[in-house]
Amino acid sequence: MKKWYDEEYEWEIEVVGFNGGRKGTVRFCRNGEEIGDKYTCTYGCPVNAQGQGICSKAMVQMFPIIEAVRSGGGLLNTGGDSRYSKALMCPDGCVLFRMTAKPLGHENFWRGKFFA
């Protein structure tokens, strides 16, 4: 792989809770999430410090949110806490994540005339 584009945003995705006040995810979450687990990414799929990827079902739910921000939108109108932060429950209703985008100051992929 040879990354050639400096992305506009870096994402941090943190496990902040579980549905129903559970204390853990044993026999509940197949990915084994724990409160405080953090994943990061720019364009690729989020991975944690141990190199493990985020749940594929959760990623399917998160991708449109990530793309909305990459496209210049914000998260306030979708129930977010701020323009760049939003909490969401995984599709299985097990794990509560907080997604936070950090602008990196690079040019937008589509407006940057990278193909000119």
N, C-alpha and C. Protein backbone atom coordinates (compact mmCIF):
# COMPACT_ATOMS: atom_id res chain seq x y z
N MET A 1 0.85 -1.18 0.00
CA MET A 1 0.00 0.00 0.00
C MET A 1 0.89 1.23 0.00
N LYS A 2 0.50 2.20 -0.79
CA LYS A 2 1.26 3.45 -0.86
C LYS A 2 0.29 4.62 -0.79
N LYS A 3 0.03 5.10 0.42
CA LYS A 3 -0.91 6.21 0.64
C LYS A 3 -0.33 7.48 0.04
N TRP A 4 -1.09 8.16 -0.80
CA TRP A 4 -0.59 9.35 -1.49
C TRP A 4 -1.36 10.61 -1.13
N TYR A 5 -2.42 10.48 -0.38
CA TYR A 5 -3.27 11.63 -0.06
C TYR A 5 -3.32 11.84 1.44
N ASP A 6 -3.08 13.06 1.91
CA ASP A 6 -3.20 13.41 3.32
C ASP A 6 -4.67 13.74 3.61
N GLU A 7 -5.31 12.90 4.38
CA GLU A 7 -6.74 13.04 4.66
C GLU A 7 -7.05 14.31 5.44
N GLU A 8 -8.28 14.78 5.32
CA GLU A 8 -8.75 15.98 6.00
C GLU A 8 -9.05 15.77 7.48
N TYR A 9 -9.45 14.55 7.84
CA TYR A 9 -9.90 14.28 9.20
C TYR A 9 -9.28 13.01 9.75
N GLU A 10 -9.07 13.02 11.06
CA GLU A 10 -8.72 11.81 11.78
C GLU A 10 -9.89 11.53 12.72
N TRP A 11 -10.29 10.28 12.79
CA TRP A 11 -11.41 9.88 13.63
C TRP A 11 -10.94 9.09 14.83
N GLU A 12 -11.51 9.40 15.99
CA GLU A 12 -11.34 8.58 17.17
C GLU A 12 -12.72 8.04 17.53
N ILE A 13 -12.79 6.75 17.72
CA ILE A 13 -14.04 6.10 18.08
C ILE A 13 -13.79 5.37 19.39
N GLU A 14 -14.54 5.76 20.42
CA GLU A 14 -14.32 5.23 21.75
C GLU A 14 -15.57 4.51 22.26
N VAL A 15 -15.35 3.40 22.94
CA VAL A 15 -16.45 2.69 23.60
C VAL A 15 -16.75 3.44 24.90
N VAL A 16 -17.98 3.95 25.03
CA VAL A 16 -18.33 4.75 26.21
C VAL A 16 -19.39 4.10 27.10
N GLY A 17 -19.99 3.01 26.66
CA GLY A 17 -20.99 2.36 27.49
C GLY A 17 -21.59 1.15 26.82
N PHE A 18 -22.48 0.49 27.56
CA PHE A 18 -23.20 -0.68 27.07
C PHE A 18 -24.68 -0.50 27.29
N ASN A 19 -25.47 -1.13 26.47
CA ASN A 19 -26.92 -1.05 26.59
C ASN A 19 -27.37 -1.77 27.86
N GLY A 20 -28.34 -1.19 28.53
CA GLY A 20 -28.93 -1.83 29.70
C GLY A 20 -28.08 -1.78 30.96
N GLY A 21 -27.08 -0.90 30.99
CA GLY A 21 -26.26 -0.76 32.18
C GLY A 21 -25.33 -1.93 32.45
N ARG A 22 -25.11 -2.78 31.45
CA ARG A 22 -24.20 -3.91 31.62
C ARG A 22 -22.81 -3.43 32.00
N LYS A 23 -22.05 -4.30 32.65
CA LYS A 23 -20.68 -3.97 33.07
C LYS A 23 -19.65 -4.42 32.05
N GLY A 24 -20.01 -5.35 31.18
CA GLY A 24 -19.07 -5.86 30.19
C GLY A 24 -19.80 -6.49 29.02
N THR A 25 -19.04 -7.07 28.10
CA THR A 25 -19.67 -7.59 26.89
C THR A 25 -19.53 -9.11 26.72
N VAL A 26 -19.09 -9.82 27.76
CA VAL A 26 -18.98 -11.27 27.66
C VAL A 26 -20.37 -11.84 27.34
N ARG A 27 -20.43 -12.68 26.33
CA ARG A 27 -21.68 -13.27 25.82
C ARG A 27 -22.70 -12.20 25.39
N PHE A 28 -22.20 -11.04 25.03
CA PHE A 28 -23.07 -9.93 24.64
C PHE A 28 -22.58 -9.32 23.33
N CYS A 29 -21.30 -8.97 23.25
CA CYS A 29 -20.69 -8.36 22.07
C CYS A 29 -19.65 -9.32 21.50
N ARG A 30 -19.81 -9.71 20.27
CA ARG A 30 -18.88 -10.67 19.65
C ARG A 30 -17.48 -10.11 19.50
N ASN A 31 -17.34 -8.78 19.40
CA ASN A 31 -16.02 -8.17 19.22
C ASN A 31 -15.29 -7.99 20.56
N GLY A 32 -16.00 -8.17 21.69
CA GLY A 32 -15.37 -8.09 23.00
C GLY A 32 -15.02 -6.69 23.45
N GLU A 33 -15.80 -5.72 23.02
CA GLU A 33 -15.53 -4.32 23.38
C GLU A 33 -15.54 -4.12 24.89
N GLU A 34 -14.71 -3.18 25.35
CA GLU A 34 -14.68 -2.78 26.75
C GLU A 34 -14.70 -1.26 26.81
N ILE A 35 -15.32 -0.71 27.85
CA ILE A 35 -15.36 0.74 28.01
C ILE A 35 -13.93 1.27 28.03
N GLY A 36 -13.72 2.31 27.25
CA GLY A 36 -12.38 2.91 27.13
C GLY A 36 -11.62 2.45 25.91
N ASP A 37 -12.06 1.37 25.25
CA ASP A 37 -11.41 0.95 24.01
C ASP A 37 -11.51 2.09 23.00
N LYS A 38 -10.41 2.34 22.29
CA LYS A 38 -10.38 3.42 21.30
C LYS A 38 -9.87 2.90 19.97
N TYR A 39 -10.50 3.36 18.92
CA TYR A 39 -10.12 3.05 17.55
C TYR A 39 -9.81 4.37 16.86
N THR A 40 -8.87 4.35 15.92
CA THR A 40 -8.57 5.54 15.14
C THR A 40 -8.49 5.18 13.67
N CYS A 41 -8.75 6.18 12.84
CA CYS A 41 -8.62 6.01 11.39
C CYS A 41 -8.62 7.37 10.72
N THR A 42 -8.17 7.38 9.50
CA THR A 42 -8.39 8.54 8.63
C THR A 42 -9.36 8.06 7.55
N TYR A 43 -8.87 7.39 6.52
CA TYR A 43 -9.78 6.85 5.51
C TYR A 43 -10.04 5.37 5.68
N GLY A 44 -9.05 4.62 6.09
CA GLY A 44 -9.21 3.18 6.27
C GLY A 44 -10.13 2.86 7.43
N CYS A 45 -10.37 1.57 7.62
CA CYS A 45 -11.24 1.13 8.72
C CYS A 45 -10.55 1.33 10.06
N PRO A 46 -11.30 1.67 11.10
CA PRO A 46 -10.73 1.92 12.42
C PRO A 46 -10.09 0.68 13.04
N VAL A 47 -8.90 0.88 13.64
CA VAL A 47 -8.22 -0.17 14.39
C VAL A 47 -7.84 0.38 15.76
N ASN A 48 -7.67 -0.54 16.72
CA ASN A 48 -7.28 -0.12 18.07
C ASN A 48 -5.76 -0.27 18.26
N ALA A 49 -5.26 0.02 19.44
CA ALA A 49 -3.82 -0.02 19.71
C ALA A 49 -3.26 -1.43 19.56
N GLN A 50 -4.10 -2.45 19.69
CA GLN A 50 -3.66 -3.83 19.53
C GLN A 50 -3.75 -4.31 18.07
N GLY A 51 -4.15 -3.41 17.17
CA GLY A 51 -4.27 -3.76 15.76
C GLY A 51 -5.56 -4.47 15.40
N GLN A 52 -6.50 -4.55 16.33
CA GLN A 52 -7.78 -5.20 16.07
C GLN A 52 -8.74 -4.21 15.43
N GLY A 53 -9.50 -4.67 14.46
CA GLY A 53 -10.45 -3.81 13.78
C GLY A 53 -11.77 -3.69 14.53
N ILE A 54 -12.46 -2.61 14.24
CA ILE A 54 -13.78 -2.40 14.83
C ILE A 54 -14.77 -3.40 14.23
N CYS A 55 -15.84 -3.65 14.90
CA CYS A 55 -16.88 -4.56 14.43
C CYS A 55 -17.37 -4.12 13.05
N SER A 56 -17.49 -5.09 12.14
CA SER A 56 -17.90 -4.75 10.78
C SER A 56 -19.31 -4.19 10.72
N LYS A 57 -20.21 -4.67 11.58
CA LYS A 57 -21.58 -4.12 11.60
C LYS A 57 -21.56 -2.66 12.06
N ALA A 58 -20.74 -2.37 13.07
CA ALA A 58 -20.64 -0.99 13.54
C ALA A 58 -20.05 -0.09 12.46
N MET A 59 -19.07 -0.60 11.73
CA MET A 59 -18.44 0.19 10.67
C MET A 59 -19.43 0.54 9.57
N VAL A 60 -20.30 -0.39 9.24
CA VAL A 60 -21.32 -0.12 8.22
C VAL A 60 -22.22 1.03 8.67
N GLN A 61 -22.52 1.11 9.96
CA GLN A 61 -23.34 2.18 10.50
C GLN A 61 -22.56 3.49 10.57
N MET A 62 -21.27 3.42 10.87
CA MET A 62 -20.45 4.63 11.03
C MET A 62 -20.02 5.26 9.72
N PHE A 63 -19.87 4.46 8.67
CA PHE A 63 -19.35 4.97 7.41
C PHE A 63 -20.13 6.17 6.86
N PRO A 64 -21.47 6.14 6.82
CA PRO A 64 -22.19 7.32 6.31
C PRO A 64 -21.96 8.58 7.16
N ILE A 65 -21.77 8.40 8.45
CA ILE A 65 -21.50 9.54 9.33
C ILE A 65 -20.13 10.13 9.01
N ILE A 66 -19.15 9.26 8.83
CA ILE A 66 -17.80 9.70 8.48
C ILE A 66 -17.82 10.42 7.13
N GLU A 67 -18.53 9.87 6.17
CA GLU A 67 -18.61 10.49 4.85
C GLU A 67 -19.32 11.84 4.88
N ALA A 68 -20.32 11.99 5.74
CA ALA A 68 -21.02 13.27 5.86
C ALA A 68 -20.05 14.36 6.29
N VAL A 69 -19.20 14.06 7.26
CA VAL A 69 -18.21 15.06 7.72
C VAL A 69 -17.16 15.30 6.64
N ARG A 70 -16.69 14.24 6.00
CA ARG A 70 -15.71 14.40 4.92
C ARG A 70 -16.25 15.26 3.79
N SER A 71 -17.56 15.25 3.63
CA SER A 71 -18.19 16.01 2.55
C SER A 71 -18.52 17.44 2.95
N GLY A 72 -18.12 17.85 4.14
CA GLY A 72 -18.33 19.22 4.57
C GLY A 72 -19.49 19.42 5.51
N GLY A 73 -20.22 18.37 5.82
CA GLY A 73 -21.35 18.47 6.73
C GLY A 73 -20.94 18.39 8.19
N GLY A 74 -21.90 18.60 9.05
CA GLY A 74 -21.67 18.49 10.48
C GLY A 74 -22.61 17.47 11.08
N LEU A 75 -22.43 17.19 12.35
CA LEU A 75 -23.22 16.15 13.01
C LEU A 75 -24.33 16.67 13.92
N LEU A 76 -24.43 17.98 14.09
CA LEU A 76 -25.46 18.54 14.97
C LEU A 76 -26.87 18.19 14.49
N ASN A 77 -27.09 18.24 13.20
CA ASN A 77 -28.43 17.97 12.66
C ASN A 77 -28.75 16.48 12.61
N THR A 78 -27.81 15.63 13.03
CA THR A 78 -28.06 14.19 13.08
C THR A 78 -28.02 13.69 14.52
N GLY A 79 -28.19 14.60 15.49
CA GLY A 79 -28.19 14.22 16.90
C GLY A 79 -26.82 14.24 17.54
N GLY A 80 -25.85 14.85 16.88
CA GLY A 80 -24.51 14.92 17.43
C GLY A 80 -24.39 15.93 18.57
N ASP A 81 -23.33 15.77 19.36
CA ASP A 81 -23.05 16.69 20.46
C ASP A 81 -22.43 17.98 19.96
N SER A 82 -21.75 17.90 18.82
CA SER A 82 -21.11 19.06 18.20
C SER A 82 -20.99 18.77 16.71
N ARG A 83 -20.39 19.67 15.99
CA ARG A 83 -20.20 19.47 14.56
C ARG A 83 -19.41 18.20 14.27
N TYR A 84 -18.48 17.87 15.16
CA TYR A 84 -17.58 16.75 14.91
C TYR A 84 -17.69 15.60 15.90
N SER A 85 -18.77 15.51 16.66
CA SER A 85 -18.88 14.45 17.66
C SER A 85 -20.31 13.92 17.73
N LYS A 86 -20.40 12.60 17.84
CA LYS A 86 -21.72 11.97 17.91
C LYS A 86 -21.59 10.63 18.63
N ALA A 87 -22.57 10.33 19.48
CA ALA A 87 -22.65 9.02 20.13
C ALA A 87 -23.66 8.17 19.37
N LEU A 88 -23.39 6.87 19.26
CA LEU A 88 -24.35 5.99 18.62
C LEU A 88 -24.22 4.57 19.16
N MET A 89 -25.34 3.90 19.20
CA MET A 89 -25.41 2.51 19.64
C MET A 89 -25.12 1.61 18.45
N CYS A 90 -24.39 0.54 18.67
CA CYS A 90 -24.09 -0.40 17.59
C CYS A 90 -25.37 -1.02 17.05
N PRO A 91 -25.34 -1.56 15.83
CA PRO A 91 -26.55 -2.14 15.23
C PRO A 91 -27.16 -3.28 16.04
N ASP A 92 -26.35 -3.99 16.82
CA ASP A 92 -26.88 -5.08 17.65
C ASP A 92 -27.47 -4.58 18.95
N GLY A 93 -27.35 -3.29 19.24
CA GLY A 93 -27.89 -2.73 20.47
C GLY A 93 -27.08 -3.08 21.70
N CYS A 94 -25.79 -3.32 21.53
CA CYS A 94 -24.93 -3.73 22.65
C CYS A 94 -24.04 -2.61 23.17
N VAL A 95 -23.29 -1.98 22.25
CA VAL A 95 -22.19 -1.09 22.61
C VAL A 95 -22.49 0.34 22.20
N LEU A 96 -22.23 1.28 23.11
CA LEU A 96 -22.38 2.70 22.82
C LEU A 96 -21.00 3.26 22.48
N PHE A 97 -20.89 3.83 21.28
CA PHE A 97 -19.65 4.43 20.81
C PHE A 97 -19.79 5.95 20.77
N ARG A 98 -18.67 6.65 20.91
CA ARG A 98 -18.61 8.08 20.63
C ARG A 98 -17.59 8.27 19.51
N MET A 99 -18.07 8.89 18.43
CA MET A 99 -17.22 9.17 17.27
C MET A 99 -16.83 10.64 17.32
N THR A 100 -15.56 10.93 17.14
CA THR A 100 -15.09 12.31 17.15
C THR A 100 -14.11 12.52 16.00
N ALA A 101 -14.39 13.52 15.18
CA ALA A 101 -13.51 13.87 14.07
C ALA A 101 -12.60 15.01 14.48
N LYS A 102 -11.35 14.93 14.07
CA LYS A 102 -10.39 16.00 14.31
C LYS A 102 -9.93 16.51 12.94
N PRO A 103 -10.23 17.78 12.60
CA PRO A 103 -9.76 18.33 11.33
C PRO A 103 -8.23 18.40 11.33
N LEU A 104 -7.64 17.96 10.22
CA LEU A 104 -6.18 17.96 10.11
C LEU A 104 -5.64 19.12 9.28
N GLY A 105 -6.57 19.88 8.66
CA GLY A 105 -6.14 21.06 7.91
C GLY A 105 -5.70 20.79 6.48
N HIS A 106 -5.93 19.58 5.99
CA HIS A 106 -5.55 19.27 4.62
C HIS A 106 -6.70 19.57 3.66
N GLU A 107 -6.38 19.68 2.40
CA GLU A 107 -7.36 20.02 1.38
C GLU A 107 -8.36 18.88 1.16
N ASN A 108 -9.60 19.26 0.87
CA ASN A 108 -10.65 18.29 0.58
C ASN A 108 -10.29 17.48 -0.66
N PHE A 109 -10.52 16.18 -0.59
CA PHE A 109 -10.18 15.28 -1.68
C PHE A 109 -10.84 15.68 -2.99
N TRP A 110 -12.13 16.00 -2.97
CA TRP A 110 -12.86 16.30 -4.21
C TRP A 110 -12.62 17.71 -4.71
N ARG A 111 -12.36 18.65 -3.82
CA ARG A 111 -12.13 20.03 -4.26
C ARG A 111 -10.65 20.34 -4.48
N GLY A 112 -9.79 19.42 -4.13
CA GLY A 112 -8.35 19.66 -4.19
C GLY A 112 -7.71 19.51 -5.55
N LYS A 113 -8.51 19.18 -6.57
CA LYS A 113 -8.01 19.03 -7.94
C LYS A 113 -6.84 18.06 -8.02
N PHE A 114 -6.97 16.94 -7.31
CA PHE A 114 -5.91 15.93 -7.32
C PHE A 114 -5.82 15.20 -8.64
N PHE A 115 -6.88 15.30 -9.46
CA PHE A 115 -6.88 14.59 -10.73
C PHE A 115 -6.65 15.52 -11.92
N ALA A 116 -6.41 16.80 -11.64
CA ALA A 116 -6.20 17.77 -12.72
C ALA A 116 -4.80 17.61 -13.32
